[in-house]
């Protein structure tokens, strides 16, 4: 049984969140959290080379 003091609820999801966190880190090279991408920017940065995207943000 896992000790509650050492429980990390994100441990099982780190691999899934890594690309998202990498985009945010790339926009904030000083390690802070000053810039956060909108959905179109985030999608653009996560796209594969052959993907296409048309996005509008209101």
Protein backbone atom coordinates (compact mmCIF):
# COMPACT_ATOMS: atom_id res chain seq x y z
CA UNK A 1 0.00 0.00 0.00
CA UNK A 2 1.30 3.44 -0.92
CA UNK A 3 2.08 5.86 1.91
CA UNK A 4 -0.25 8.89 1.70
CA UNK A 5 2.61 11.24 2.56
CA UNK A 6 4.47 10.16 -0.57
CA UNK A 7 1.45 9.97 -2.86
CA UNK A 8 1.77 11.98 -6.07
CA UNK A 9 -1.55 12.16 -7.95
CA UNK A 10 0.22 13.24 -11.15
CA UNK A 11 2.73 10.38 -11.21
CA UNK A 12 0.64 8.19 -13.53
CA UNK A 13 -0.09 11.06 -15.93
CA UNK A 14 3.34 12.66 -16.35
CA UNK A 15 3.92 11.01 -19.70
CA UNK A 16 0.60 12.24 -21.02
CA UNK A 17 1.18 15.79 -19.81
CA UNK A 18 4.83 16.04 -20.90
CA UNK A 19 4.17 17.54 -24.39
CA UNK A 20 1.83 20.14 -22.89
CA UNK A 21 4.33 21.03 -20.18
CA UNK A 22 7.13 21.22 -22.78
CA UNK A 23 5.20 23.84 -24.78
CA UNK A 24 4.67 25.97 -21.68
CA UNK A 25 8.34 25.58 -20.71
CA UNK A 26 9.44 26.64 -24.21
CA UNK A 27 7.40 29.84 -23.90
CA UNK A 28 8.90 30.57 -20.48
CA UNK A 29 12.64 29.82 -20.77
CA UNK A 30 13.38 31.60 -17.48
CA UNK A 31 11.44 28.89 -15.62
CA UNK A 32 8.57 31.18 -14.64
CA UNK A 33 4.99 31.09 -15.83
CA UNK A 34 4.58 34.46 -17.49
CA UNK A 35 3.32 33.27 -20.87
CA UNK A 36 0.55 30.74 -21.44
CA UNK A 37 -0.49 29.72 -24.96
CA UNK A 38 -4.05 29.95 -26.20
CA UNK A 39 -5.64 26.83 -27.64
CA UNK A 40 -4.61 27.56 -31.28
CA UNK A 41 -0.97 28.18 -30.28
CA UNK A 42 -0.90 25.08 -28.12
CA UNK A 43 -2.44 22.99 -30.90
CA UNK A 44 0.00 24.35 -33.47
CA UNK A 45 3.00 23.45 -31.31
CA UNK A 46 1.69 19.92 -30.67
CA UNK A 47 0.95 19.15 -34.31
CA UNK A 48 2.86 16.57 -36.30
CA UNK A 49 4.58 17.67 -39.54
CA UNK A 50 1.75 16.41 -41.79
CA UNK A 51 -1.12 17.74 -39.65
CA UNK A 52 -3.18 20.73 -40.78
CA UNK A 53 -5.05 23.17 -38.58
CA UNK A 54 -7.49 26.02 -39.12
CA UNK A 55 -8.31 27.73 -35.83
CA UNK A 56 -10.12 30.84 -34.66
CA UNK A 57 -9.95 32.19 -31.16
CA UNK A 58 -12.54 34.64 -29.92
